């Protein structure tokens, strides 16, 4: 489960940002997860709660936005968007030769502090 490692790293960044702004507590974190990042949102939520115990972010709310992946279809010469890595067929022509152009993995979008 690589979600725990991702959460640990995200928490390091969140705590650094909170400390640099003089915050006493993190109340919410917004993450964007790419469709092909192999990150399961439910596992991410579970791991986030675990790694936040005893930190400035304990009890904070995690908001997860799932981002579509942008792909190029060489068969129909179009850019298409996919929300799941489980379906890798072009929605226009059903080709299975899509090339991933943009899938930003995991990003911290916003941090809310007190």
PDB file of N, CA and C in Angstrom:
ATOM      1  N   UNK A   1       0.848  -1.178   0.000  1.00  0.00           N
ATOM      2  CA  UNK A   1       0.000   0.000   0.000  1.00  0.00           C
ATOM      3  C   UNK A   1       0.896   1.245   0.000  1.00  0.00           C
ATOM      4  N   UNK A   2       1.037   1.879  -1.135  1.00  0.00           N
ATOM      5  CA  UNK A   2       1.885   3.064  -1.224  1.00  0.00           C
ATOM      6  C   UNK A   2       1.175   4.319  -0.755  1.00  0.00           C
ATOM      7  N   UNK A   3      -0.132   4.220  -0.496  1.00  0.00           N
ATOM      8  CA  UNK A   3      -0.883   5.384  -0.016  1.00  0.00           C
ATOM      9  C   UNK A   3      -0.341   5.904   1.306  1.00  0.00           C
ATOM     10  N   UNK A   4       0.164   5.017   2.166  1.00  0.00           N
ATOM     11  CA  UNK A   4       0.682   5.483   3.458  1.00  0.00           C
ATOM     12  C   UNK A   4       1.927   6.348   3.260  1.00  0.00           C
ATOM     13  N   UNK A   5       2.783   5.955   2.330  1.00  0.00           N
ATOM     14  CA  UNK A   5       3.976   6.743   2.032  1.00  0.00           C
ATOM     15  C   UNK A   5       3.587   8.090   1.435  1.00  0.00           C
ATOM     16  N   UNK A   6       2.616   8.089   0.541  1.00  0.00           N
ATOM     17  CA  UNK A   6       2.138   9.344  -0.046  1.00  0.00           C
ATOM     18  C   UNK A   6       1.561  10.262   1.029  1.00  0.00           C
ATOM     19  N   UNK A   7       0.799   9.697   1.947  1.00  0.00           N
ATOM     20  CA  UNK A   7       0.214  10.499   3.026  1.00  0.00           C
ATOM     21  C   UNK A   7       1.289  11.045   3.956  1.00  0.00           C
ATOM     22  N   UNK A   8       2.299  10.243   4.254  1.00  0.00           N
ATOM     23  CA  UNK A   8       3.386  10.710   5.115  1.00  0.00           C
ATOM     24  C   UNK A   8       4.105  11.886   4.476  1.00  0.00           C
ATOM     25  N   UNK A   9       4.386  11.782   3.204  1.00  0.00           N
ATOM     26  CA  UNK A   9       5.071  12.875   2.500  1.00  0.00           C
ATOM     27  C   UNK A   9       4.179  14.113   2.404  1.00  0.00           C
ATOM     28  N   UNK A  10       2.911  13.919   2.090  1.00  0.00           N
ATOM     29  CA  UNK A  10       1.981  15.050   2.024  1.00  0.00           C
ATOM     30  C   UNK A  10       1.877  15.728   3.381  1.00  0.00           C
ATOM     31  N   UNK A  11       1.829  14.940   4.459  1.00  0.00           N
ATOM     32  CA  UNK A  11       1.732  15.510   5.804  1.00  0.00           C
ATOM     33  C   UNK A  11       2.979  16.323   6.143  1.00  0.00           C
ATOM     34  N   UNK A  12       4.147  15.857   5.731  1.00  0.00           N
ATOM     35  CA  UNK A  12       5.381  16.631   5.951  1.00  0.00           C
ATOM     36  C   UNK A  12       5.260  18.017   5.326  1.00  0.00           C
ATOM     37  N   UNK A  13       4.778  18.050   4.106  1.00  0.00           N
ATOM     38  CA  UNK A  13       4.620  19.325   3.387  1.00  0.00           C
ATOM     39  C   UNK A  13       3.567  20.190   4.065  1.00  0.00           C
ATOM     40  N   UNK A  14       2.442  19.587   4.441  1.00  0.00           N
ATOM     41  CA  UNK A  14       1.362  20.315   5.102  1.00  0.00           C
ATOM     42  C   UNK A  14       1.862  20.918   6.413  1.00  0.00           C
ATOM     43  N   UNK A  15       2.588  20.130   7.202  1.00  0.00           N
ATOM     44  CA  UNK A  15       3.093  20.631   8.483  1.00  0.00           C
ATOM     45  C   UNK A  15       4.120  21.746   8.289  1.00  0.00           C
ATOM     46  N   UNK A  16       4.965  21.626   7.273  1.00  0.00           N
ATOM     47  CA  UNK A  16       5.937  22.686   6.982  1.00  0.00           C
ATOM     48  C   UNK A  16       5.212  23.984   6.633  1.00  0.00           C
ATOM     49  N   UNK A  17       4.189  23.889   5.808  1.00  0.00           N
ATOM     50  CA  UNK A  17       3.433  25.071   5.410  1.00  0.00           C
ATOM     51  C   UNK A  17       2.684  25.673   6.599  1.00  0.00           C
ATOM     52  N   UNK A  18       2.099  24.817   7.422  1.00  0.00           N
ATOM     53  CA  UNK A  18       1.372  25.295   8.596  1.00  0.00           C
ATOM     54  C   UNK A  18       2.326  25.992   9.567  1.00  0.00           C
ATOM     55  N   UNK A  19       3.486  25.410   9.804  1.00  0.00           N
ATOM     56  CA  UNK A  19       4.467  26.005  10.711  1.00  0.00           C
ATOM     57  C   UNK A  19       4.975  27.341  10.182  1.00  0.00           C
ATOM     58  N   UNK A  20       5.206  27.418   8.876  1.00  0.00           N
ATOM     59  CA  UNK A  20       5.723  28.660   8.299  1.00  0.00           C
ATOM     60  C   UNK A  20       4.704  29.799   8.363  1.00  0.00           C
ATOM     61  N   UNK A  21       3.422  29.459   8.481  1.00  0.00           N
ATOM     62  CA  UNK A  21       2.395  30.498   8.595  1.00  0.00           C
ATOM     63  C   UNK A  21       1.992  30.743  10.049  1.00  0.00           C
ATOM     64  N   UNK A  22       2.646  30.047  10.973  1.00  0.00           N
ATOM     65  CA  UNK A  22       2.356  30.236  12.390  1.00  0.00           C
ATOM     66  C   UNK A  22       1.059  29.596  12.843  1.00  0.00           C
ATOM     67  N   UNK A  23       0.575  28.623  12.117  1.00  0.00           N
ATOM     68  CA  UNK A  23      -0.699  27.972  12.452  1.00  0.00           C
ATOM     69  C   UNK A  23      -0.535  27.031  13.640  1.00  0.00           C
ATOM     70  N   UNK A  24      -1.593  26.916  14.407  1.00  0.00           N
ATOM     71  CA  UNK A  24      -1.578  26.001  15.545  1.00  0.00           C
ATOM     72  C   UNK A  24      -2.246  24.668  15.209  1.00  0.00           C
ATOM     73  N   UNK A  25      -2.987  24.675  14.106  1.00  0.00           N
ATOM     74  CA  UNK A  25      -3.740  23.478  13.744  1.00  0.00           C
ATOM     75  C   UNK A  25      -4.102  23.502  12.263  1.00  0.00           C
ATOM     76  N   UNK A  26      -4.060  22.327  11.638  1.00  0.00           N
ATOM     77  CA  UNK A  26      -4.534  22.162  10.262  1.00  0.00           C
ATOM     78  C   UNK A  26      -5.959  21.632  10.363  1.00  0.00           C
ATOM     79  N   UNK A  27      -6.903  22.304   9.694  1.00  0.00           N
ATOM     80  CA  UNK A  27      -8.302  21.876   9.777  1.00  0.00           C
ATOM     81  C   UNK A  27      -8.788  21.114   8.546  1.00  0.00           C
ATOM     82  N   UNK A  28      -8.150  21.358   7.393  1.00  0.00           N
ATOM     83  CA  UNK A  28      -8.574  20.656   6.177  1.00  0.00           C
ATOM     84  C   UNK A  28      -7.450  20.664   5.142  1.00  0.00           C
ATOM     85  N   UNK A  29      -7.437  19.617   4.325  1.00  0.00           N
ATOM     86  CA  UNK A  29      -6.457  19.481   3.244  1.00  0.00           C
ATOM     87  C   UNK A  29      -7.204  19.011   2.002  1.00  0.00           C
ATOM     88  N   UNK A  30      -6.903  19.644   0.860  1.00  0.00           N
ATOM     89  CA  UNK A  30      -7.487  19.263  -0.424  1.00  0.00           C
ATOM     90  C   UNK A  30      -6.402  18.637  -1.282  1.00  0.00           C
ATOM     91  N   UNK A  31      -6.632  17.409  -1.751  1.00  0.00           N
ATOM     92  CA  UNK A  31      -5.698  16.710  -2.627  1.00  0.00           C
ATOM     93  C   UNK A  31      -6.365  16.437  -3.970  1.00  0.00           C
ATOM     94  N   UNK A  32      -5.555  16.495  -5.023  1.00  0.00           N
ATOM     95  CA  UNK A  32      -6.016  16.117  -6.357  1.00  0.00           C
ATOM     96  C   UNK A  32      -5.271  14.836  -6.736  1.00  0.00           C
ATOM     97  N   UNK A  33      -6.031  13.821  -7.140  1.00  0.00           N
ATOM     98  CA  UNK A  33      -5.473  12.509  -7.471  1.00  0.00           C
ATOM     99  C   UNK A  33      -5.714  12.219  -8.942  1.00  0.00           C
ATOM    100  N   UNK A  34      -4.645  11.945  -9.679  1.00  0.00           N
ATOM    101  CA  UNK A  34      -4.759  11.622 -11.096  1.00  0.00           C
ATOM    102  C   UNK A  34      -5.394  10.260 -11.326  1.00  0.00           C
ATOM    103  N   UNK A  35      -6.125  10.138 -12.407  1.00  0.00           N
ATOM    104  CA  UNK A  35      -6.862   8.907 -12.717  1.00  0.00           C
ATOM    105  C   UNK A  35      -5.958   7.685 -12.852  1.00  0.00           C
ATOM    106  N   UNK A  36      -4.745   7.868 -13.340  1.00  0.00           N
ATOM    107  CA  UNK A  36      -3.842   6.738 -13.540  1.00  0.00           C
ATOM    108  C   UNK A  36      -2.727   6.687 -12.496  1.00  0.00           C
ATOM    109  N   UNK A  37      -2.925   7.355 -11.376  1.00  0.00           N
ATOM    110  CA  UNK A  37      -1.893   7.416 -10.341  1.00  0.00           C
ATOM    111  C   UNK A  37      -1.828   6.158  -9.485  1.00  0.00           C
ATOM    112  N   UNK A  38      -2.757   5.250  -9.664  1.00  0.00           N
ATOM    113  CA  UNK A  38      -2.837   4.005  -8.885  1.00  0.00           C
ATOM    114  C   UNK A  38      -3.060   4.278  -7.404  1.00  0.00           C
ATOM    115  N   UNK A  39      -3.714   5.389  -7.092  1.00  0.00           N
ATOM    116  CA  UNK A  39      -4.050   5.738  -5.717  1.00  0.00           C
ATOM    117  C   UNK A  39      -5.540   5.481  -5.523  1.00  0.00           C
ATOM    118  N   UNK A  40      -5.859   4.685  -4.517  1.00  0.00           N
ATOM    119  CA  UNK A  40      -7.249   4.400  -4.186  1.00  0.00           C
ATOM    120  C   UNK A  40      -7.716   5.436  -3.163  1.00  0.00           C
ATOM    121  N   UNK A  41      -8.714   6.245  -3.508  1.00  0.00           N
ATOM    122  CA  UNK A  41      -9.178   7.280  -2.575  1.00  0.00           C
ATOM    123  C   UNK A  41      -9.554   6.756  -1.188  1.00  0.00           C
ATOM    124  N   UNK A  42     -10.198   5.611  -1.093  1.00  0.00           N
ATOM    125  CA  UNK A  42     -10.591   5.065   0.219  1.00  0.00           C
ATOM    126  C   UNK A  42      -9.360   4.718   1.049  1.00  0.00           C
ATOM    127  N   UNK A  43      -8.352   4.130   0.410  1.00  0.00           N
ATOM    128  CA  UNK A  43      -7.113   3.801   1.115  1.00  0.00           C
ATOM    129  C   UNK A  43      -6.372   5.069   1.519  1.00  0.00           C
ATOM    130  N   UNK A  44      -6.422   6.079   0.665  1.00  0.00           N
ATOM    131  CA  UNK A  44      -5.785   7.359   0.956  1.00  0.00           C
ATOM    132  C   UNK A  44      -6.428   8.001   2.187  1.00  0.00           C
ATOM    133  N   UNK A  45      -7.742   7.980   2.270  1.00  0.00           N
ATOM    134  CA  UNK A  45      -8.450   8.535   3.432  1.00  0.00           C
ATOM    135  C   UNK A  45      -8.070   7.799   4.714  1.00  0.00           C
ATOM    136  N   UNK A  46      -8.035   6.486   4.649  1.00  0.00           N
ATOM    137  CA  UNK A  46      -7.685   5.671   5.808  1.00  0.00           C
ATOM    138  C   UNK A  46      -6.263   5.985   6.273  1.00  0.00           C
ATOM    139  N   UNK A  47      -5.331   6.018   5.346  1.00  0.00           N
ATOM    140  CA  UNK A  47      -3.927   6.279   5.683  1.00  0.00           C
ATOM    141  C   UNK A  47      -3.722   7.701   6.181  1.00  0.00           C
ATOM    142  N   UNK A  48      -4.448   8.637   5.612  1.00  0.00           N
ATOM    143  CA  UNK A  48      -4.340  10.035   6.039  1.00  0.00           C
ATOM    144  C   UNK A  48      -4.697  10.158   7.521  1.00  0.00           C
ATOM    145  N   UNK A  49      -5.787   9.528   7.901  1.00  0.00           N
ATOM    146  CA  UNK A  49      -6.207   9.580   9.305  1.00  0.00           C
ATOM    147  C   UNK A  49      -5.133   8.974  10.212  1.00  0.00           C
ATOM    148  N   UNK A  50      -4.533   7.878   9.781  1.00  0.00           N
ATOM    149  CA  UNK A  50      -3.480   7.226  10.577  1.00  0.00           C
ATOM    150  C   UNK A  50      -2.251   8.115  10.756  1.00  0.00           C
ATOM    151  N   UNK A  51      -1.751   8.676   9.660  1.00  0.00           N
ATOM    152  CA  UNK A  51      -0.506   9.454   9.750  1.00  0.00           C
ATOM    153  C   UNK A  51      -0.702  10.794  10.450  1.00  0.00           C
ATOM    154  N   UNK A  52      -1.935  11.275  10.517  1.00  0.00           N
ATOM    155  CA  UNK A  52      -2.200  12.571  11.159  1.00  0.00           C
ATOM    156  C   UNK A  52      -2.300  12.486  12.677  1.00  0.00           C
ATOM    157  N   UNK A  53      -2.406  11.284  13.220  1.00  0.00           N
ATOM    158  CA  UNK A  53      -2.532  11.137  14.676  1.00  0.00           C
ATOM    159  C   UNK A  53      -1.318  11.754  15.375  1.00  0.00           C
ATOM    160  N   UNK A  54      -1.611  12.603  16.366  1.00  0.00           N
ATOM    161  CA  UNK A  54      -0.557  13.220  17.145  1.00  0.00           C
ATOM    162  C   UNK A  54       0.167  14.365  16.446  1.00  0.00           C
ATOM    163  N   UNK A  55      -0.403  14.880  15.351  1.00  0.00           N
ATOM    164  CA  UNK A  55       0.221  15.967  14.598  1.00  0.00           C
ATOM    165  C   UNK A  55      -0.705  17.182  14.571  1.00  0.00           C
ATOM    166  N   UNK A  56      -0.232  18.266  13.973  1.00  0.00           N
ATOM    167  CA  UNK A  56      -1.061  19.465  13.806  1.00  0.00           C
ATOM    168  C   UNK A  56      -2.309  19.188  12.969  1.00  0.00           C
ATOM    169  N   UNK A  57      -2.269  18.132  12.181  1.00  0.00           N
ATOM    170  CA  UNK A  57      -3.378  17.825  11.268  1.00  0.00           C
ATOM    171  C   UNK A  57      -4.352  16.795  11.825  1.00  0.00           C
ATOM    172  N   UNK A  58      -4.148  16.357  13.059  1.00  0.00           N
ATOM    173  CA  UNK A  58      -5.059  15.368  13.631  1.00  0.00           C
ATOM    174  C   UNK A  58      -6.483  15.924  13.651  1.00  0.00           C
ATOM    175  N   UNK A  59      -7.416  15.141  13.156  1.00  0.00           N
ATOM    176  CA  UNK A  59      -8.815  15.550  13.111  1.00  0.00           C
ATOM    177  C   UNK A  59      -9.177  16.424  11.920  1.00  0.00           C
ATOM    178  N   UNK A  60      -8.207  16.713  11.064  1.00  0.00           N
ATOM    179  CA  UNK A  60      -8.495  17.545   9.892  1.00  0.00           C
ATOM    180  C   UNK A  60      -9.312  16.761   8.865  1.00  0.00           C
ATOM    181  N   UNK A  61     -10.005  17.495   8.038  1.00  0.00           N
ATOM    182  CA  UNK A  61     -10.833  16.896   6.997  1.00  0.00           C
ATOM    183  C   UNK A  61     -10.021  16.779   5.712  1.00  0.00           C
ATOM    184  N   UNK A  62     -10.073  15.620   5.094  1.00  0.00           N
ATOM    185  CA  UNK A  62      -9.387  15.399   3.825  1.00  0.00           C
ATOM    186  C   UNK A  62     -10.413  15.450   2.700  1.00  0.00           C
ATOM    187  N   UNK A  63     -10.151  16.310   1.717  1.00  0.00           N
ATOM    188  CA  UNK A  63     -11.006  16.419   0.530  1.00  0.00           C
ATOM    189  C   UNK A  63     -10.198  15.875  -0.648  1.00  0.00           C
ATOM    190  N   UNK A  64     -10.776  14.942  -1.384  1.00  0.00           N
ATOM    191  CA  UNK A  64     -10.080  14.334  -2.515  1.00  0.00           C
ATOM    192  C   UNK A  64     -10.843  14.629  -3.802  1.00  0.00           C
ATOM    193  N   UNK A  65     -10.128  15.187  -4.757  1.00  0.00           N
ATOM    194  CA  UNK A  65     -10.699  15.427  -6.088  1.00  0.00           C
ATOM    195  C   UNK A  65     -10.009  14.472  -7.062  1.00  0.00           C
ATOM    196  N   UNK A  66     -10.786  13.708  -7.780  1.00  0.00           N
ATOM    197  CA  UNK A  66     -10.221  12.800  -8.770  1.00  0.00           C
ATOM    198  C   UNK A  66     -10.130  13.524 -10.106  1.00  0.00           C
ATOM    199  N   UNK A  67      -8.935  13.548 -10.661  1.00  0.00           N
ATOM    200  CA  UNK A  67      -8.679  14.263 -11.911  1.00  0.00           C
ATOM    201  C   UNK A  67      -8.676  13.298 -13.088  1.00  0.00           C
ATOM    202  N   UNK A  68      -9.254  13.735 -14.173  1.00  0.00           N
ATOM    203  CA  UNK A  68      -9.229  12.926 -15.387  1.00  0.00           C
ATOM    204  C   UNK A  68      -7.828  12.962 -15.993  1.00  0.00           C
ATOM    205  N   UNK A  69      -7.484  11.886 -16.676  1.00  0.00           N
ATOM    206  CA  UNK A  69      -6.222  11.840 -17.407  1.00  0.00           C
ATOM    207  C   UNK A  69      -6.487  12.262 -18.844  1.00  0.00           C
ATOM    208  N   UNK A  70      -5.591  13.069 -19.375  1.00  0.00           N
ATOM    209  CA  UNK A  70      -5.706  13.457 -20.783  1.00  0.00           C
ATOM    210  C   UNK A  70      -4.868  12.477 -21.597  1.00  0.00           C
ATOM    211  N   UNK A  71      -5.470  11.926 -22.630  1.00  0.00           N
ATOM    212  CA  UNK A  71      -4.799  10.934 -23.474  1.00  0.00           C
ATOM    213  C   UNK A  71      -4.921  11.330 -24.945  1.00  0.00           C
ATOM    214  N   UNK A  72      -3.963  10.866 -25.731  1.00  0.00           N
ATOM    215  CA  UNK A  72      -3.968  11.074 -27.175  1.00  0.00           C
ATOM    216  C   UNK A  72      -4.311   9.758 -27.835  1.00  0.00           C
ATOM    217  N   UNK A  73      -5.284   9.804 -28.742  1.00  0.00           N
ATOM    218  CA  UNK A  73      -5.659   8.616 -29.489  1.00  0.00           C
ATOM    219  C   UNK A  73      -5.086   8.739 -30.900  1.00  0.00           C
ATOM    220  N   UNK A  74      -4.100   7.915 -31.239  1.00  0.00           N
ATOM    221  CA  UNK A  74      -3.523   7.987 -32.578  1.00  0.00           C
ATOM    222  C   UNK A  74      -4.482   7.498 -33.674  1.00  0.00           C
ATOM    223  N   UNK A  75      -5.452   6.679 -33.305  1.00  0.00           N
ATOM    224  CA  UNK A  75      -6.391   6.162 -34.300  1.00  0.00           C
ATOM    225  C   UNK A  75      -7.348   7.227 -34.815  1.00  0.00           C
ATOM    226  N   UNK A  76      -7.936   7.985 -33.891  1.00  0.00           N
ATOM    227  CA  UNK A  76      -8.892   9.010 -34.338  1.00  0.00           C
ATOM    228  C   UNK A  76      -8.312  10.425 -34.253  1.00  0.00           C
ATOM    229  N   UNK A  77      -7.024  10.504 -33.879  1.00  0.00           N
ATOM    230  CA  UNK A  77      -6.308  11.790 -33.857  1.00  0.00           C
ATOM    231  C   UNK A  77      -7.006  12.835 -32.988  1.00  0.00           C
ATOM    232  N   UNK A  78      -7.400  12.407 -31.771  1.00  0.00           N
ATOM    233  CA  UNK A  78      -8.069  13.316 -30.844  1.00  0.00           C
ATOM    234  C   UNK A  78      -7.515  13.143 -29.439  1.00  0.00           C
ATOM    235  N   UNK A  79      -7.605  14.231 -28.652  1.00  0.00           N
ATOM    236  CA  UNK A  79      -7.341  14.144 -27.227  1.00  0.00           C
ATOM    237  C   UNK A  79      -8.632  13.719 -26.548  1.00  0.00           C
ATOM    238  N   UNK A  80      -8.538  12.783 -25.629  1.00  0.00           N
ATOM    239  CA  UNK A  80      -9.702  12.322 -24.880  1.00  0.00           C
ATOM    240  C   UNK A  80      -9.361  12.332 -23.394  1.00  0.00           C
ATOM    241  N   UNK A  81     -10.390  12.333 -22.565  1.00  0.00           N
ATOM    242  CA  UNK A  81     -10.202  12.339 -21.117  1.00  0.00           C
ATOM    243  C   UNK A  81     -10.784  11.066 -20.534  1.00  0.00           C
ATOM    244  N   UNK A  82     -10.013  10.452 -19.635  1.00  0.00           N
ATOM    245  CA  UNK A  82     -10.454   9.236 -18.960  1.00  0.00           C
ATOM    246  C   UNK A  82     -10.385   9.446 -17.458  1.00  0.00           C
ATOM    247  N   UNK A  83     -11.343   8.910 -16.730  1.00  0.00           N
ATOM    248  CA  UNK A  83     -11.375   9.054 -15.278  1.00  0.00           C
ATOM    249  C   UNK A  83     -10.867   7.808 -14.573  1.00  0.00           C
ATOM    250  N   UNK A  84     -10.718   6.719 -15.284  1.00  0.00           N
ATOM    251  CA  UNK A  84     -10.308   5.473 -14.649  1.00  0.00           C
ATOM    252  C   UNK A  84      -9.214   4.783 -15.454  1.00  0.00           C
ATOM    253  N   UNK A  85      -8.251   4.232 -14.740  1.00  0.00           N
ATOM    254  CA  UNK A  85      -7.200   3.483 -15.426  1.00  0.00           C
ATOM    255  C   UNK A  85      -7.701   2.087 -15.819  1.00  0.00           C
ATOM    256  N   UNK A  86      -8.890   1.712 -15.339  1.00  0.00           N
ATOM    257  CA  UNK A  86      -9.457   0.400 -15.659  1.00  0.00           C
ATOM    258  C   UNK A  86     -10.042   0.349 -17.071  1.00  0.00           C
ATOM    259  N   UNK A  87     -10.367   1.503 -17.613  1.00  0.00           N
ATOM    260  CA  UNK A  87     -10.925   1.580 -18.963  1.00  0.00           C
ATOM    261  C   UNK A  87      -9.934   2.371 -19.813  1.00  0.00           C
ATOM    262  N   UNK A  88      -9.190   1.684 -20.643  1.00  0.00           N
ATOM    263  CA  UNK A  88      -8.173   2.349 -21.459  1.00  0.00           C
ATOM    264  C   UNK A  88      -8.503   2.275 -22.939  1.00  0.00           C
ATOM    265  N   UNK A  89      -9.747   2.497 -23.234  1.00  0.00           N
ATOM    266  CA  UNK A  89     -10.185   2.529 -24.625  1.00  0.00           C
ATOM    267  C   UNK A  89     -10.668   3.930 -24.954  1.00  0.00           C
ATOM    268  N   UNK A  90     -10.411   4.327 -26.172  1.00  0.00           N
ATOM    269  CA  UNK A  90     -10.856   5.642 -26.623  1.00  0.00           C
ATOM    270  C   UNK A  90     -12.382   5.670 -26.634  1.00  0.00           C
ATOM    271  N   UNK A  91     -12.989   6.667 -25.987  1.00  0.00           N
ATOM    272  CA  UNK A  91     -14.449   6.733 -25.997  1.00  0.00           C
ATOM    273  C   UNK A  91     -15.027   7.078 -27.371  1.00  0.00           C
ATOM    274  N   UNK A  92     -14.186   7.560 -28.302  1.00  0.00           N
ATOM    275  CA  UNK A  92     -14.639   7.924 -29.643  1.00  0.00           C
ATOM    276  C   UNK A  92     -14.617   6.739 -30.610  1.00  0.00           C
ATOM    277  N   UNK A  93     -13.458   6.028 -30.631  1.00  0.00           N
ATOM    278  CA  UNK A  93     -13.298   4.973 -31.646  1.00  0.00           C
ATOM    279  C   UNK A  93     -13.025   3.587 -31.056  1.00  0.00           C
ATOM    280  N   UNK A  94     -12.952   3.484 -29.739  1.00  0.00           N
ATOM    281  CA  UNK A  94     -12.711   2.224 -29.022  1.00  0.00           C
ATOM    282  C   UNK A  94     -11.295   1.654 -29.195  1.00  0.00           C
ATOM    283  N   UNK A  95     -10.373   2.435 -29.721  1.00  0.00           N
ATOM    284  CA  UNK A  95      -8.990   1.987 -29.851  1.00  0.00           C
ATOM    285  C   UNK A  95      -8.390   1.783 -28.459  1.00  0.00           C
ATOM    286  N   UNK A  96      -7.512   0.794 -28.342  1.00  0.00           N
ATOM    287  CA  UNK A  96      -6.840   0.564 -27.059  1.00  0.00           C
ATOM    288  C   UNK A  96      -5.375   1.023 -27.104  1.00  0.00           C
ATOM    289  N   UNK A  97      -5.055   1.914 -28.019  1.00  0.00           N
ATOM    290  CA  UNK A  97      -3.682   2.396 -28.171  1.00  0.00           C
ATOM    291  C   UNK A  97      -3.511   3.830 -27.675  1.00  0.00           C
ATOM    292  N   UNK A  98      -4.229   4.180 -26.614  1.00  0.00           N
ATOM    293  CA  UNK A  98      -4.139   5.531 -26.077  1.00  0.00           C
ATOM    294  C   UNK A  98      -2.766   5.800 -25.468  1.00  0.00           C
ATOM    295  N   UNK A  99      -2.335   7.035 -25.591  1.00  0.00           N
ATOM    296  CA  UNK A  99      -1.081   7.474 -24.979  1.00  0.00           C
ATOM    297  C   UNK A  99      -1.415   8.523 -23.927  1.00  0.00           C
ATOM    298  N   UNK A 100      -0.979   8.292 -22.689  1.00  0.00           N
ATOM    299  CA  UNK A 100      -1.252   9.244 -21.610  1.00  0.00           C
ATOM    300  C   UNK A 100      -0.406  10.490 -21.836  1.00  0.00           C
ATOM    301  N   UNK A 101      -1.061  11.636 -21.841  1.00  0.00           N
ATOM    302  CA  UNK A 101      -0.378  12.914 -22.041  1.00  0.00           C
ATOM    303  C   UNK A 101      -0.235  13.631 -20.700  1.00  0.00           C
ATOM    304  N   UNK A 102      -1.324  13.709 -19.928  1.00  0.00           N
ATOM    305  CA  UNK A 102      -1.310  14.399 -18.641  1.00  0.00           C
ATOM    306  C   UNK A 102      -2.044  13.563 -17.595  1.00  0.00           C
ATOM    307  N   UNK A 103      -1.337  13.257 -16.521  1.00  0.00           N
ATOM    308  CA  UNK A 103      -1.914  12.630 -15.338  1.00  0.00           C
ATOM    309  C   UNK A 103      -1.019  13.063 -14.188  1.00  0.00           C
ATOM    310  N   UNK A 104      -1.459  14.035 -13.417  1.00  0.00           N
ATOM    311  CA  UNK A 104      -0.588  14.702 -12.458  1.00  0.00           C
ATOM    312  C   UNK A 104      -0.357  13.965 -11.148  1.00  0.00           C
ATOM    313  N   UNK A 105      -0.665  12.692 -11.069  1.00  0.00           N
ATOM    314  CA  UNK A 105      -0.371  11.943  -9.849  1.00  0.00           C
ATOM    315  C   UNK A 105      -1.151  12.464  -8.660  1.00  0.00           C
ATOM    316  N   UNK A 106      -0.425  12.902  -7.627  1.00  0.00           N
ATOM    317  CA  UNK A 106      -1.037  13.405  -6.402  1.00  0.00           C
ATOM    318  C   UNK A 106      -0.512  14.805  -6.139  1.00  0.00           C
ATOM    319  N   UNK A 107      -1.422  15.755  -5.940  1.00  0.00           N
ATOM    320  CA  UNK A 107      -1.048  17.145  -5.671  1.00  0.00           C
ATOM    321  C   UNK A 107      -1.806  17.671  -4.467  1.00  0.00           C
ATOM    322  N   UNK A 108      -1.118  18.463  -3.650  1.00  0.00           N
ATOM    323  CA  UNK A 108      -1.790  19.189  -2.577  1.00  0.00           C
ATOM    324  C   UNK A 108      -2.324  20.468  -3.205  1.00  0.00           C
ATOM    325  N   UNK A 109      -3.624  20.647  -3.164  1.00  0.00           N
ATOM    326  CA  UNK A 109      -4.251  21.810  -3.783  1.00  0.00           C
ATOM    327  C   UNK A 109      -4.420  22.974  -2.809  1.00  0.00           C
ATOM    328  N   UNK A 110      -4.782  22.631  -1.558  1.00  0.00           N
ATOM    329  CA  UNK A 110      -5.112  23.686  -0.597  1.00  0.00           C
ATOM    330  C   UNK A 110      -4.964  23.149   0.823  1.00  0.00           C
ATOM    331  N   UNK A 111      -4.593  24.029   1.729  1.00  0.00           N
ATOM    332  CA  UNK A 111      -4.486  23.683   3.153  1.00  0.00           C
ATOM    333  C   UNK A 111      -5.233  24.753   3.939  1.00  0.00           C
ATOM    334  N   UNK A 112      -6.081  24.326   4.868  1.00  0.00           N
ATOM    335  CA  UNK A 112      -6.814  25.259   5.720  1.00  0.00           C
ATOM    336  C   UNK A 112      -6.274  25.116   7.144  1.00  0.00           C
ATOM    337  N   UNK A 113      -5.891  26.239   7.753  1.00  0.00           N
ATOM    338  CA  UNK A 113      -5.287  26.217   9.090  1.00  0.00           C
ATOM    339  C   UNK A 113      -5.979  27.196  10.031  1.00  0.00           C
ATOM    340  N   UNK A 114      -5.712  27.019  11.321  1.00  0.00           N
ATOM    341  CA  UNK A 114      -6.161  27.982  12.342  1.00  0.00           C
ATOM    342  C   UNK A 114      -4.953  28.639  12.943  1.00  0.00           C
TER     343      UNK A 114
END
